Each structure stands twice: as structure tokens, then as C-alpha cells.
Amino acid sequence: MSFSKLSSLVYSTETGRLCPVCEQPVAECNCKKNAIPEGDGIVRVSRETKGRKGAGVTLVKGVLATEEDLKQLCSLLKKRCGVGGAVKDFVIEIQGDKRDQVIAELEKQGYKVKRAGG
């Protein structure tokens, strides 16, 4: 392999951080926004406290959608549960233990949902 294929530009003093795939500024990159993660089509809902100083969050993994669609779904789930949340690396995080409410809403939206992890 040539040297150019082993390394890619990830920072520019003119524009800041760059996407390693398309070498565009991160704010203008469309690579991840339009990407859909691979999976088996089953949405898994779990609870996690690791790395959050004991505060539990509900994680929604496996939704086969673009990042924009995930943000809209996260917004809907936050409104239904009455809490905050975010989308990080194609995983929706809802604050608190709201697994039952999240599962009910996702099933109403037509997703095949499983409770994961105890």
C-alpha cells in the first residue's frame, strides 16, 4: 500500500477537524449523517449506569435509521417520557429508567423491540 492510503488528513489549521472519509470539515460532512448502521432489525432497550456516577439511563440500540431520523425519534421519546436525552454513535440515550415507556412507544411506532440486559 502506498503511504497516502495508510494516512488521511484529520485536521486542518484553516477549517479545524476533518472527516477521515471524505476529508471535508466535520460540520459539512455528510458521510455519517446519511449512513445507516447494519443490524438484525431488532431494537434493543436496556438500562446502564456505567460511567455516569450511578445515574441510570435507558439505551435504545439497533434502530436502522439515519442520524437525522434518530434525532427525531429521540425527540419523540423524550417528549413521551418527559425527560432529557441525546443521540450518540447511533444509540439513543434517555435519562432515567424509562424502559417500559420507551418499549411501549417504539412498539406503537412499529418497531420490533426486545428488552436487553436484565
PDB file of N, CA and C in Angstrom:
ATOM      1  N   MET A   1       0.836  -1.199   0.000  1.00  0.00           N
ATOM      2  CA  MET A   1       0.000   0.000   0.000  1.00  0.00           C
ATOM      3  C   MET A   1       0.867   1.244   0.000  1.00  0.00           C
ATOM      4  N   SER A   2       0.375   2.238  -0.635  1.00  0.00           N
ATOM      5  CA  SER A   2       1.109   3.495  -0.649  1.00  0.00           C
ATOM      6  C   SER A   2       0.857   4.252   0.638  1.00  0.00           C
ATOM      7  N   PHE A   3       1.734   5.181   0.909  1.00  0.00           N
ATOM      8  CA  PHE A   3       1.630   5.965   2.136  1.00  0.00           C
ATOM      9  C   PHE A   3       0.334   6.766   2.195  1.00  0.00           C
ATOM     10  N   SER A   4      -0.138   7.275   1.061  1.00  0.00           N
ATOM     11  CA  SER A   4      -1.337   8.113   1.045  1.00  0.00           C
ATOM     12  C   SER A   4      -2.586   7.335   1.453  1.00  0.00           C
ATOM     13  N   LYS A   5      -2.630   6.018   1.190  1.00  0.00           N
ATOM     14  CA  LYS A   5      -3.801   5.228   1.568  1.00  0.00           C
ATOM     15  C   LYS A   5      -3.782   4.840   3.039  1.00  0.00           C
ATOM     16  N   LEU A   6      -2.601   4.840   3.661  1.00  0.00           N
ATOM     17  CA  LEU A   6      -2.500   4.482   5.072  1.00  0.00           C
ATOM     18  C   LEU A   6      -2.810   5.651   5.988  1.00  0.00           C
ATOM     19  N   SER A   7      -2.670   6.860   5.511  1.00  0.00           N
ATOM     20  CA  SER A   7      -2.938   8.020   6.357  1.00  0.00           C
ATOM     21  C   SER A   7      -3.912   8.954   5.642  1.00  0.00           C
ATOM     22  N   SER A   8      -4.661   9.661   6.416  1.00  0.00           N
ATOM     23  CA  SER A   8      -5.569  10.642   5.841  1.00  0.00           C
ATOM     24  C   SER A   8      -5.550  11.887   6.711  1.00  0.00           C
ATOM     25  N   LEU A   9      -5.891  12.982   6.135  1.00  0.00           N
ATOM     26  CA  LEU A   9      -5.904  14.256   6.819  1.00  0.00           C
ATOM     27  C   LEU A   9      -7.080  14.311   7.782  1.00  0.00           C
ATOM     28  N   VAL A  10      -6.846  14.594   9.065  1.00  0.00           N
ATOM     29  CA  VAL A  10      -7.929  14.670  10.034  1.00  0.00           C
ATOM     30  C   VAL A  10      -8.036  16.042  10.693  1.00  0.00           C
ATOM     31  N   TYR A  11      -7.080  16.939  10.406  1.00  0.00           N
ATOM     32  CA  TYR A  11      -7.144  18.281  10.978  1.00  0.00           C
ATOM     33  C   TYR A  11      -6.488  19.259  10.021  1.00  0.00           C
ATOM     34  N   SER A  12      -7.084  20.412   9.871  1.00  0.00           N
ATOM     35  CA  SER A  12      -6.529  21.478   9.057  1.00  0.00           C
ATOM     36  C   SER A  12      -6.561  22.759   9.877  1.00  0.00           C
ATOM     37  N   THR A  13      -5.501  23.540   9.807  1.00  0.00           N
ATOM     38  CA  THR A  13      -5.481  24.788  10.567  1.00  0.00           C
ATOM     39  C   THR A  13      -6.493  25.792  10.029  1.00  0.00           C
ATOM     40  N   GLU A  14      -6.883  25.638   8.772  1.00  0.00           N
ATOM     41  CA  GLU A  14      -7.861  26.550   8.185  1.00  0.00           C
ATOM     42  C   GLU A  14      -9.290  26.231   8.619  1.00  0.00           C
ATOM     43  N   THR A  15      -9.655  24.941   8.632  1.00  0.00           N
ATOM     44  CA  THR A  15     -11.045  24.570   8.885  1.00  0.00           C
ATOM     45  C   THR A  15     -11.257  23.796  10.182  1.00  0.00           C
ATOM     46  N   GLY A  16     -10.191  23.328  10.819  1.00  0.00           N
ATOM     47  CA  GLY A  16     -10.345  22.549  12.049  1.00  0.00           C
ATOM     48  C   GLY A  16     -10.424  21.056  11.745  1.00  0.00           C
ATOM     49  N   ARG A  17     -11.231  20.318  12.519  1.00  0.00           N
ATOM     50  CA  ARG A  17     -11.331  18.867  12.363  1.00  0.00           C
ATOM     51  C   ARG A  17     -11.952  18.502  11.020  1.00  0.00           C
ATOM     52  N   LEU A  18     -11.412  17.439  10.422  1.00  0.00           N
ATOM     53  CA  LEU A  18     -11.889  16.964   9.126  1.00  0.00           C
ATOM     54  C   LEU A  18     -12.368  15.524   9.249  1.00  0.00           C
ATOM     55  N   CYS A  19     -13.333  15.167   8.441  1.00  0.00           N
ATOM     56  CA  CYS A  19     -13.818  13.790   8.369  1.00  0.00           C
ATOM     57  C   CYS A  19     -12.730  12.941   7.713  1.00  0.00           C
ATOM     58  N   PRO A  20     -12.338  11.813   8.311  1.00  0.00           N
ATOM     59  CA  PRO A  20     -11.291  10.996   7.705  1.00  0.00           C
ATOM     60  C   PRO A  20     -11.729  10.299   6.417  1.00  0.00           C
ATOM     61  N   VAL A  21     -13.022  10.193   6.163  1.00  0.00           N
ATOM     62  CA  VAL A  21     -13.512   9.507   4.969  1.00  0.00           C
ATOM     63  C   VAL A  21     -13.535  10.443   3.764  1.00  0.00           C
ATOM     64  N   CYS A  22     -14.218  11.585   3.909  1.00  0.00           N
ATOM     65  CA  CYS A  22     -14.361  12.485   2.761  1.00  0.00           C
ATOM     66  C   CYS A  22     -13.455  13.708   2.838  1.00  0.00           C
ATOM     67  N   GLU A  23     -12.721  13.876   3.938  1.00  0.00           N
ATOM     68  CA  GLU A  23     -11.811  14.986   4.175  1.00  0.00           C
ATOM     69  C   GLU A  23     -12.469  16.354   4.046  1.00  0.00           C
ATOM     70  N   GLN A  24     -13.747  16.434   4.409  1.00  0.00           N
ATOM     71  CA  GLN A  24     -14.478  17.698   4.486  1.00  0.00           C
ATOM     72  C   GLN A  24     -14.525  18.118   5.961  1.00  0.00           C
ATOM     73  N   PRO A  25     -14.732  19.404   6.254  1.00  0.00           N
ATOM     74  CA  PRO A  25     -14.885  19.806   7.651  1.00  0.00           C
ATOM     75  C   PRO A  25     -16.027  19.015   8.310  1.00  0.00           C
ATOM     76  N   VAL A  26     -15.872  18.666   9.569  1.00  0.00           N
ATOM     77  CA  VAL A  26     -16.833  17.813  10.265  1.00  0.00           C
ATOM     78  C   VAL A  26     -18.245  18.401  10.213  1.00  0.00           C
ATOM     79  N   ALA A  27     -18.366  19.713  10.301  1.00  0.00           N
ATOM     80  CA  ALA A  27     -19.688  20.341  10.248  1.00  0.00           C
ATOM     81  C   ALA A  27     -20.356  20.173   8.887  1.00  0.00           C
ATOM     82  N   GLU A  28     -19.576  20.026   7.822  1.00  0.00           N
ATOM     83  CA  GLU A  28     -20.120  19.904   6.472  1.00  0.00           C
ATOM     84  C   GLU A  28     -20.136  18.464   5.962  1.00  0.00           C
ATOM     85  N   CYS A  29     -19.650  17.530   6.748  1.00  0.00           N
ATOM     86  CA  CYS A  29     -19.544  16.133   6.329  1.00  0.00           C
ATOM     87  C   CYS A  29     -20.923  15.482   6.272  1.00  0.00           C
ATOM     88  N   ASN A  30     -21.177  14.746   5.199  1.00  0.00           N
ATOM     89  CA  ASN A  30     -22.439  14.031   5.048  1.00  0.00           C
ATOM     90  C   ASN A  30     -22.258  12.527   5.152  1.00  0.00           C
ATOM     91  N   CYS A  31     -21.055  12.060   5.393  1.00  0.00           N
ATOM     92  CA  CYS A  31     -20.785  10.616   5.442  1.00  0.00           C
ATOM     93  C   CYS A  31     -21.603   9.927   6.530  1.00  0.00           C
ATOM     94  N   LYS A  32     -21.482  10.387   7.766  1.00  0.00           N
ATOM     95  CA  LYS A  32     -22.147   9.721   8.886  1.00  0.00           C
ATOM     96  C   LYS A  32     -23.629  10.064   8.965  1.00  0.00           C
ATOM     97  N   LYS A  33     -24.006  11.254   8.533  1.00  0.00           N
ATOM     98  CA  LYS A  33     -25.401  11.661   8.641  1.00  0.00           C
ATOM     99  C   LYS A  33     -26.304  10.792   7.772  1.00  0.00           C
ATOM    100  N   ASN A  34     -25.808  10.394   6.624  1.00  0.00           N
ATOM    101  CA  ASN A  34     -26.609   9.597   5.704  1.00  0.00           C
ATOM    102  C   ASN A  34     -26.363   8.105   5.843  1.00  0.00           C
ATOM    103  N   ALA A  35     -25.420   7.725   6.685  1.00  0.00           N
ATOM    104  CA  ALA A  35     -25.109   6.312   6.867  1.00  0.00           C
ATOM    105  C   ALA A  35     -26.164   5.660   7.754  1.00  0.00           C
ATOM    106  N   ILE A  36     -26.456   4.399   7.452  1.00  0.00           N
ATOM    107  CA  ILE A  36     -27.385   3.625   8.269  1.00  0.00           C
ATOM    108  C   ILE A  36     -26.606   2.440   8.823  1.00  0.00           C
ATOM    109  N   PRO A  37     -26.591   2.265  10.143  1.00  0.00           N
ATOM    110  CA  PRO A  37     -25.830   1.154  10.708  1.00  0.00           C
ATOM    111  C   PRO A  37     -26.453  -0.183  10.325  1.00  0.00           C
ATOM    112  N   GLU A  38     -25.612  -1.216  10.284  1.00  0.00           N
ATOM    113  CA  GLU A  38     -26.113  -2.553   9.977  1.00  0.00           C
ATOM    114  C   GLU A  38     -26.645  -3.190  11.249  1.00  0.00           C
ATOM    115  N   GLY A  39     -27.599  -4.082  11.098  1.00  0.00           N
ATOM    116  CA  GLY A  39     -28.145  -4.776  12.252  1.00  0.00           C
ATOM    117  C   GLY A  39     -29.167  -5.803  11.827  1.00  0.00           C
ATOM    118  N   ASP A  40     -29.778  -6.454  12.816  1.00  0.00           N
ATOM    119  CA  ASP A  40     -30.741  -7.512  12.531  1.00  0.00           C
ATOM    120  C   ASP A  40     -32.180  -7.024  12.511  1.00  0.00           C
ATOM    121  N   GLY A  41     -32.394  -5.726  12.694  1.00  0.00           N
ATOM    122  CA  GLY A  41     -33.740  -5.179  12.631  1.00  0.00           C
ATOM    123  C   GLY A  41     -34.483  -5.197  13.949  1.00  0.00           C
ATOM    124  N   ILE A  42     -33.830  -5.681  15.008  1.00  0.00           N
ATOM    125  CA  ILE A  42     -34.460  -5.724  16.321  1.00  0.00           C
ATOM    126  C   ILE A  42     -33.891  -4.586  17.155  1.00  0.00           C
ATOM    127  N   VAL A  43     -34.772  -3.771  17.718  1.00  0.00           N
ATOM    128  CA  VAL A  43     -34.364  -2.668  18.575  1.00  0.00           C
ATOM    129  C   VAL A  43     -34.225  -3.209  19.997  1.00  0.00           C
ATOM    130  N   ARG A  44     -33.078  -2.954  20.616  1.00  0.00           N
ATOM    131  CA  ARG A  44     -32.834  -3.435  21.972  1.00  0.00           C
ATOM    132  C   ARG A  44     -32.824  -2.266  22.938  1.00  0.00           C
ATOM    133  N   VAL A  45     -33.596  -2.405  24.015  1.00  0.00           N
ATOM    134  CA  VAL A  45     -33.717  -1.350  25.014  1.00  0.00           C
ATOM    135  C   VAL A  45     -33.119  -1.874  26.313  1.00  0.00           C
ATOM    136  N   SER A  46     -32.169  -1.131  26.870  1.00  0.00           N
ATOM    137  CA  SER A  46     -31.512  -1.571  28.099  1.00  0.00           C
ATOM    138  C   SER A  46     -31.291  -0.384  29.025  1.00  0.00           C
ATOM    139  N   ARG A  47     -30.841  -0.696  30.229  1.00  0.00           N
ATOM    140  CA  ARG A  47     -30.541   0.335  31.228  1.00  0.00           C
ATOM    141  C   ARG A  47     -29.072   0.235  31.563  1.00  0.00           C
ATOM    142  N   GLU A  48     -28.414   1.375  31.742  1.00  0.00           N
ATOM    143  CA  GLU A  48     -26.984   1.384  32.037  1.00  0.00           C
ATOM    144  C   GLU A  48     -26.656   2.501  33.009  1.00  0.00           C
ATOM    145  N   THR A  49     -25.713   2.242  33.917  1.00  0.00           N
ATOM    146  CA  THR A  49     -25.253   3.259  34.853  1.00  0.00           C
ATOM    147  C   THR A  49     -23.752   3.471  34.748  1.00  0.00           C
ATOM    148  N   LYS A  50     -23.076   2.651  33.996  1.00  0.00           N
ATOM    149  CA  LYS A  50     -21.618   2.687  33.902  1.00  0.00           C
ATOM    150  C   LYS A  50     -21.129   4.027  33.365  1.00  0.00           C
ATOM    151  N   GLY A  51     -20.188   4.651  34.091  1.00  0.00           N
ATOM    152  CA  GLY A  51     -19.594   5.899  33.636  1.00  0.00           C
ATOM    153  C   GLY A  51     -20.475   7.117  33.831  1.00  0.00           C
ATOM    154  N   ARG A  52     -21.555   6.978  34.598  1.00  0.00           N
ATOM    155  CA  ARG A  52     -22.488   8.102  34.790  1.00  0.00           C
ATOM    156  C   ARG A  52     -22.703   8.433  36.260  1.00  0.00           C
ATOM    157  N   LYS A  53     -21.744   8.065  37.083  1.00  0.00           N
ATOM    158  CA  LYS A  53     -21.775   8.337  38.521  1.00  0.00           C
ATOM    159  C   LYS A  53     -23.046   7.812  39.171  1.00  0.00           C
ATOM    160  N   GLY A  54     -23.503   6.635  38.745  1.00  0.00           N
ATOM    161  CA  GLY A  54     -24.661   5.989  39.345  1.00  0.00           C
ATOM    162  C   GLY A  54     -26.000   6.380  38.757  1.00  0.00           C
ATOM    163  N   ALA A  55     -26.020   7.405  37.935  1.00  0.00           N
ATOM    164  CA  ALA A  55     -27.282   7.830  37.329  1.00  0.00           C
ATOM    165  C   ALA A  55     -27.612   6.910  36.157  1.00  0.00           C
ATOM    166  N   GLY A  56     -28.767   6.300  36.183  1.00  0.00           N
ATOM    167  CA  GLY A  56     -29.148   5.364  35.137  1.00  0.00           C
ATOM    168  C   GLY A  56     -29.715   6.057  33.919  1.00  0.00           C
ATOM    169  N   VAL A  57     -29.445   5.482  32.758  1.00  0.00           N
ATOM    170  CA  VAL A  57     -30.026   5.950  31.512  1.00  0.00           C
ATOM    171  C   VAL A  57     -30.592   4.751  30.765  1.00  0.00           C
ATOM    172  N   THR A  58     -31.584   4.990  29.942  1.00  0.00           N
ATOM    173  CA  THR A  58     -32.168   3.965  29.088  1.00  0.00           C
ATOM    174  C   THR A  58     -31.517   4.088  27.718  1.00  0.00           C
ATOM    175  N   LEU A  59     -30.947   2.994  27.228  1.00  0.00           N
ATOM    176  CA  LEU A  59     -30.279   2.981  25.932  1.00  0.00           C
ATOM    177  C   LEU A  59     -31.152   2.277  24.901  1.00  0.00           C
ATOM    178  N   VAL A  60     -31.265   2.873  23.734  1.00  0.00           N
ATOM    179  CA  VAL A  60     -32.014   2.278  22.622  1.00  0.00           C
ATOM    180  C   VAL A  60     -31.012   2.029  21.505  1.00  0.00           C
ATOM    181  N   LYS A  61     -30.732   0.744  21.224  1.00  0.00           N
ATOM    182  CA  LYS A  61     -29.737   0.366  20.220  1.00  0.00           C
ATOM    183  C   LYS A  61     -30.401  -0.433  19.111  1.00  0.00           C
ATOM    184  N   GLY A  62     -29.817  -0.350  17.925  1.00  0.00           N
ATOM    185  CA  GLY A  62     -30.262  -1.192  16.829  1.00  0.00           C
ATOM    186  C   GLY A  62     -31.343  -0.601  15.948  1.00  0.00           C
ATOM    187  N   VAL A  63     -31.627   0.678  16.076  1.00  0.00           N
ATOM    188  CA  VAL A  63     -32.608   1.317  15.196  1.00  0.00           C
ATOM    189  C   VAL A  63     -31.918   1.566  13.856  1.00  0.00           C
ATOM    190  N   LEU A  64     -32.449   0.975  12.799  1.00  0.00           N
ATOM    191  CA  LEU A  64     -31.850   1.122  11.474  1.00  0.00           C
ATOM    192  C   LEU A  64     -32.386   2.390  10.820  1.00  0.00           C
ATOM    193  N   ALA A  65     -31.708   3.502  11.098  1.00  0.00           N
ATOM    194  CA  ALA A  65     -32.142   4.799  10.582  1.00  0.00           C
ATOM    195  C   ALA A  65     -30.938   5.723  10.477  1.00  0.00           C
ATOM    196  N   THR A  66     -31.102   6.794   9.713  1.00  0.00           N
ATOM    197  CA  THR A  66     -30.040   7.792   9.607  1.00  0.00           C
ATOM    198  C   THR A  66     -29.971   8.582  10.899  1.00  0.00           C
ATOM    199  N   GLU A  67     -28.907   9.358  11.031  1.00  0.00           N
ATOM    200  CA  GLU A  67     -28.717  10.138  12.248  1.00  0.00           C
ATOM    201  C   GLU A  67     -29.838  11.166  12.436  1.00  0.00           C
ATOM    202  N   GLU A  68     -30.304  11.762  11.348  1.00  0.00           N
ATOM    203  CA  GLU A  68     -31.405  12.727  11.433  1.00  0.00           C
ATOM    204  C   GLU A  68     -32.694  12.052  11.909  1.00  0.00           C
ATOM    205  N   ASP A  69     -32.975  10.854  11.390  1.00  0.00           N
ATOM    206  CA  ASP A  69     -34.163  10.124  11.827  1.00  0.00           C
ATOM    207  C   ASP A  69     -34.053   9.718  13.287  1.00  0.00           C
ATOM    208  N   LEU A  70     -32.833   9.368  13.727  1.00  0.00           N
ATOM    209  CA  LEU A  70     -32.627   9.021  15.131  1.00  0.00           C
ATOM    210  C   LEU A  70     -32.883  10.229  16.032  1.00  0.00           C
ATOM    211  N   LYS A  71     -32.461  11.401  15.584  1.00  0.00           N
ATOM    212  CA  LYS A  71     -32.691  12.609  16.372  1.00  0.00           C
ATOM    213  C   LYS A  71     -34.184  12.897  16.514  1.00  0.00           C
ATOM    214  N   GLN A  72     -34.947  12.680  15.441  1.00  0.00           N
ATOM    215  CA  GLN A  72     -36.394  12.880  15.508  1.00  0.00           C
ATOM    216  C   GLN A  72     -37.039  11.860  16.441  1.00  0.00           C
ATOM    217  N   LEU A  73     -36.610  10.604  16.359  1.00  0.00           N
ATOM    218  CA  LEU A  73     -37.142   9.565  17.242  1.00  0.00           C
ATOM    219  C   LEU A  73     -36.772   9.851  18.688  1.00  0.00           C
ATOM    220  N   CYS A  74     -35.551  10.318  18.915  1.00  0.00           N
ATOM    221  CA  CYS A  74     -35.121  10.678  20.270  1.00  0.00           C
ATOM    222  C   CYS A  74     -35.983  11.803  20.820  1.00  0.00           C
ATOM    223  N   SER A  75     -36.270  12.788  20.005  1.00  0.00           N
ATOM    224  CA  SER A  75     -37.111  13.904  20.419  1.00  0.00           C
ATOM    225  C   SER A  75     -38.508  13.418  20.814  1.00  0.00           C
ATOM    226  N   LEU A  76     -39.064  12.511  20.020  1.00  0.00           N
ATOM    227  CA  LEU A  76     -40.380  11.950  20.325  1.00  0.00           C
ATOM    228  C   LEU A  76     -40.353  11.187  21.650  1.00  0.00           C
ATOM    229  N   LEU A  77     -39.314  10.358  21.853  1.00  0.00           N
ATOM    230  CA  LEU A  77     -39.210   9.572  23.081  1.00  0.00           C
ATOM    231  C   LEU A  77     -39.025  10.475  24.302  1.00  0.00           C
ATOM    232  N   LYS A  78     -38.243  11.540  24.144  1.00  0.00           N
ATOM    233  CA  LYS A  78     -38.042  12.469  25.258  1.00  0.00           C
ATOM    234  C   LYS A  78     -39.351  13.134  25.651  1.00  0.00           C
ATOM    235  N   LYS A  79     -40.149  13.516  24.667  1.00  0.00           N
ATOM    236  CA  LYS A  79     -41.440  14.154  24.956  1.00  0.00           C
ATOM    237  C   LYS A  79     -42.391  13.182  25.646  1.00  0.00           C
ATOM    238  N   ARG A  80     -42.433  11.934  25.162  1.00  0.00           N
ATOM    239  CA  ARG A  80     -43.336  10.935  25.744  1.00  0.00           C
ATOM    240  C   ARG A  80     -42.957  10.582  27.180  1.00  0.00           C
ATOM    241  N   CYS A  81     -41.628  10.567  27.449  1.00  0.00           N
ATOM    242  CA  CYS A  81     -41.158  10.194  28.788  1.00  0.00           C
ATOM    243  C   CYS A  81     -41.027  11.400  29.713  1.00  0.00           C
ATOM    244  N   GLY A  82     -40.986  12.594  29.155  1.00  0.00           N
ATOM    245  CA  GLY A  82     -40.869  13.801  29.980  1.00  0.00           C
ATOM    246  C   GLY A  82     -39.486  13.984  30.577  1.00  0.00           C
ATOM    247  N   VAL A  83     -38.451  13.526  29.858  1.00  0.00           N
ATOM    248  CA  VAL A  83     -37.073  13.633  30.352  1.00  0.00           C
ATOM    249  C   VAL A  83     -36.171  14.102  29.217  1.00  0.00           C
ATOM    250  N   GLY A  84     -34.888  14.248  29.525  1.00  0.00           N
ATOM    251  CA  GLY A  84     -33.908  14.628  28.524  1.00  0.00           C
ATOM    252  C   GLY A  84     -33.283  13.408  27.889  1.00  0.00           C
ATOM    253  N   GLY A  85     -32.437  13.654  26.914  1.00  0.00           N
ATOM    254  CA  GLY A  85     -31.756  12.564  26.245  1.00  0.00           C
ATOM    255  C   GLY A  85     -30.906  13.081  25.107  1.00  0.00           C
ATOM    256  N   ALA A  86     -30.218  12.137  24.431  1.00  0.00           N
ATOM    257  CA  ALA A  86     -29.330  12.507  23.333  1.00  0.00           C
ATOM    258  C   ALA A  86     -29.113  11.312  22.428  1.00  0.00           C
ATOM    259  N   VAL A  87     -28.535  11.592  21.257  1.00  0.00           N
ATOM    260  CA  VAL A  87     -28.128  10.539  20.326  1.00  0.00           C
ATOM    261  C   VAL A  87     -26.609  10.574  20.249  1.00  0.00           C
ATOM    262  N   LYS A  88     -25.976   9.435  20.547  1.00  0.00           N
ATOM    263  CA  LYS A  88     -24.517   9.330  20.484  1.00  0.00           C
ATOM    264  C   LYS A  88     -24.157   8.039  19.776  1.00  0.00           C
ATOM    265  N   ASP A  89     -23.440   8.143  18.670  1.00  0.00           N
ATOM    266  CA  ASP A  89     -22.970   6.971  17.914  1.00  0.00           C
ATOM    267  C   ASP A  89     -24.103   6.011  17.583  1.00  0.00           C
ATOM    268  N   PHE A  90     -25.196   6.519  17.037  1.00  0.00           N
ATOM    269  CA  PHE A  90     -26.361   5.736  16.623  1.00  0.00           C
ATOM    270  C   PHE A  90     -27.037   5.017  17.786  1.00  0.00           C
ATOM    271  N   VAL A  91     -26.847   5.506  19.017  1.00  0.00           N
ATOM    272  CA  VAL A  91     -27.516   4.974  20.204  1.00  0.00           C
ATOM    273  C   VAL A  91     -28.283   6.118  20.850  1.00  0.00           C
ATOM    274  N   ILE A  92     -29.570   5.890  21.122  1.00  0.00           N
ATOM    275  CA  ILE A  92     -30.393   6.908  21.776  1.00  0.00           C
ATOM    276  C   ILE A  92     -30.281   6.710  23.281  1.00  0.00           C
ATOM    277  N   GLU A  93     -29.958   7.777  23.999  1.00  0.00           N
ATOM    278  CA  GLU A  93     -29.881   7.742  25.458  1.00  0.00           C
ATOM    279  C   GLU A  93     -31.019   8.582  26.021  1.00  0.00           C
ATOM    280  N   ILE A  94     -31.838   7.955  26.857  1.00  0.00           N
ATOM    281  CA  ILE A  94     -32.940   8.646  27.532  1.00  0.00           C
ATOM    282  C   ILE A  94     -32.625   8.647  29.017  1.00  0.00           C
ATOM    283  N   GLN A  95     -32.703   9.791  29.664  1.00  0.00           N
ATOM    284  CA  GLN A  95     -32.353   9.889  31.078  1.00  0.00           C
ATOM    285  C   GLN A  95     -33.346   9.132  31.939  1.00  0.00           C
ATOM    286  N   GLY A  96     -32.818   8.401  32.924  1.00  0.00           N
ATOM    287  CA  GLY A  96     -33.657   7.669  33.865  1.00  0.00           C
ATOM    288  C   GLY A  96     -34.027   6.285  33.363  1.00  0.00           C
ATOM    289  N   ASP A  97     -34.696   5.534  34.230  1.00  0.00           N
ATOM    290  CA  ASP A  97     -35.133   4.174  33.884  1.00  0.00           C
ATOM    291  C   ASP A  97     -36.536   4.261  33.287  1.00  0.00           C
ATOM    292  N   LYS A  98     -36.614   4.472  31.993  1.00  0.00           N
ATOM    293  CA  LYS A  98     -37.880   4.644  31.281  1.00  0.00           C
ATOM    294  C   LYS A  98     -38.100   3.520  30.271  1.00  0.00           C
ATOM    295  N   ARG A  99     -37.565   2.321  30.567  1.00  0.00           N
ATOM    296  CA  ARG A  99     -37.623   1.210  29.611  1.00  0.00           C
ATOM    297  C   ARG A  99     -39.050   0.866  29.207  1.00  0.00           C
ATOM    298  N   ASP A 100     -39.966   0.769  30.165  1.00  0.00           N
ATOM    299  CA  ASP A 100     -41.338   0.370  29.840  1.00  0.00           C
ATOM    300  C   ASP A 100     -42.011   1.385  28.904  1.00  0.00           C
ATOM    301  N   GLN A 101     -41.837   2.664  29.201  1.00  0.00           N
ATOM    302  CA  GLN A 101     -42.439   3.705  28.359  1.00  0.00           C
ATOM    303  C   GLN A 101     -41.807   3.727  26.961  1.00  0.00           C
ATOM    304  N   VAL A 102     -40.484   3.548  26.905  1.00  0.00           N
ATOM    305  CA  VAL A 102     -39.788   3.557  25.616  1.00  0.00           C
ATOM    306  C   VAL A 102     -40.213   2.359  24.776  1.00  0.00           C
ATOM    307  N   ILE A 103     -40.298   1.182  25.400  1.00  0.00           N
ATOM    308  CA  ILE A 103     -40.703  -0.023  24.669  1.00  0.00           C
ATOM    309  C   ILE A 103     -42.123   0.136  24.133  1.00  0.00           C
ATOM    310  N   ALA A 104     -43.012   0.657  24.954  1.00  0.00           N
ATOM    311  CA  ALA A 104     -44.401   0.843  24.515  1.00  0.00           C
ATOM    312  C   ALA A 104     -44.477   1.801  23.333  1.00  0.00           C
ATOM    313  N   GLU A 105     -43.740   2.896  23.376  1.00  0.00           N
ATOM    314  CA  GLU A 105     -43.772   3.883  22.295  1.00  0.00           C
ATOM    315  C   GLU A 105     -43.146   3.326  21.022  1.00  0.00           C
ATOM    316  N   LEU A 106     -42.046   2.597  21.143  1.00  0.00           N
ATOM    317  CA  LEU A 106     -41.403   2.029  19.958  1.00  0.00           C
ATOM    318  C   LEU A 106     -42.287   0.981  19.296  1.00  0.00           C
ATOM    319  N   GLU A 107     -42.969   0.172  20.091  1.00  0.00           N
ATOM    320  CA  GLU A 107     -43.887  -0.818  19.525  1.00  0.00           C
ATOM    321  C   GLU A 107     -45.050  -0.130  18.821  1.00  0.00           C
ATOM    322  N   LYS A 108     -45.499   0.985  19.393  1.00  0.00           N
ATOM    323  CA  LYS A 108     -46.573   1.758  18.762  1.00  0.00           C
ATOM    324  C   LYS A 108     -46.106   2.345  17.425  1.00  0.00           C
ATOM    325  N   GLN A 109     -44.821   2.648  17.324  1.00  0.00           N
ATOM    326  CA  GLN A 109     -44.246   3.184  16.087  1.00  0.00           C
ATOM    327  C   GLN A 109     -43.985   2.082  15.055  1.00  0.00           C
ATOM    328  N   GLY A 110     -44.125   0.820  15.459  1.00  0.00           N
ATOM    329  CA  GLY A 110     -43.971  -0.279  14.521  1.00  0.00           C
ATOM    330  C   GLY A 110     -42.636  -0.998  14.555  1.00  0.00           C
ATOM    331  N   TYR A 111     -41.803  -0.740  15.558  1.00  0.00           N
ATOM    332  CA  TYR A 111     -40.517  -1.410  15.670  1.00  0.00           C
ATOM    333  C   TYR A 111     -40.671  -2.736  16.410  1.00  0.00           C
ATOM    334  N   LYS A 112     -39.803  -3.692  16.094  1.00  0.00           N
ATOM    335  CA  LYS A 112     -39.732  -4.951  16.816  1.00  0.00           C
ATOM    336  C   LYS A 112     -38.730  -4.719  17.953  1.00  0.00           C
ATOM    337  N   VAL A 113     -39.199  -4.812  19.209  1.00  0.00           N
ATOM    338  CA  VAL A 113     -38.408  -4.381  20.358  1.00  0.00           C
ATOM    339  C   VAL A 113     -38.173  -5.554  21.303  1.00  0.00           C
ATOM    340  N   LYS A 114     -36.944  -5.589  21.854  1.00  0.00           N
ATOM    341  CA  LYS A 114     -36.593  -6.567  22.889  1.00  0.00           C
ATOM    342  C   LYS A 114     -35.985  -5.831  24.060  1.00  0.00           C
ATOM    343  N   ARG A 115     -36.278  -6.303  25.266  1.00  0.00           N
ATOM    344  CA  ARG A 115     -35.643  -5.773  26.464  1.00  0.00           C
ATOM    345  C   ARG A 115     -34.306  -6.501  26.607  1.00  0.00           C
ATOM    346  N   ALA A 116     -33.225  -5.768  26.774  1.00  0.00           N
ATOM    347  CA  ALA A 116     -31.901  -6.367  26.844  1.00  0.00           C
ATOM    348  C   ALA A 116     -31.270  -6.099  28.208  1.00  0.00           C
ATOM    349  N   GLY A 117     -30.510  -7.050  28.702  1.00  0.00           N
ATOM    350  CA  GLY A 117     -29.690  -6.854  29.907  1.00  0.00           C
ATOM    351  C   GLY A 117     -30.445  -6.755  31.197  1.00  0.00           C
ATOM    352  N   GLY A 118     -31.058  -7.798  31.631  1.00  0.00           N
ATOM    353  CA  GLY A 118     -31.654  -7.890  32.953  1.00  0.00           C
ATOM    354  C   GLY A 118     -32.806  -7.115  33.239  1.00  0.00           C
TER     355      GLY A 118
END
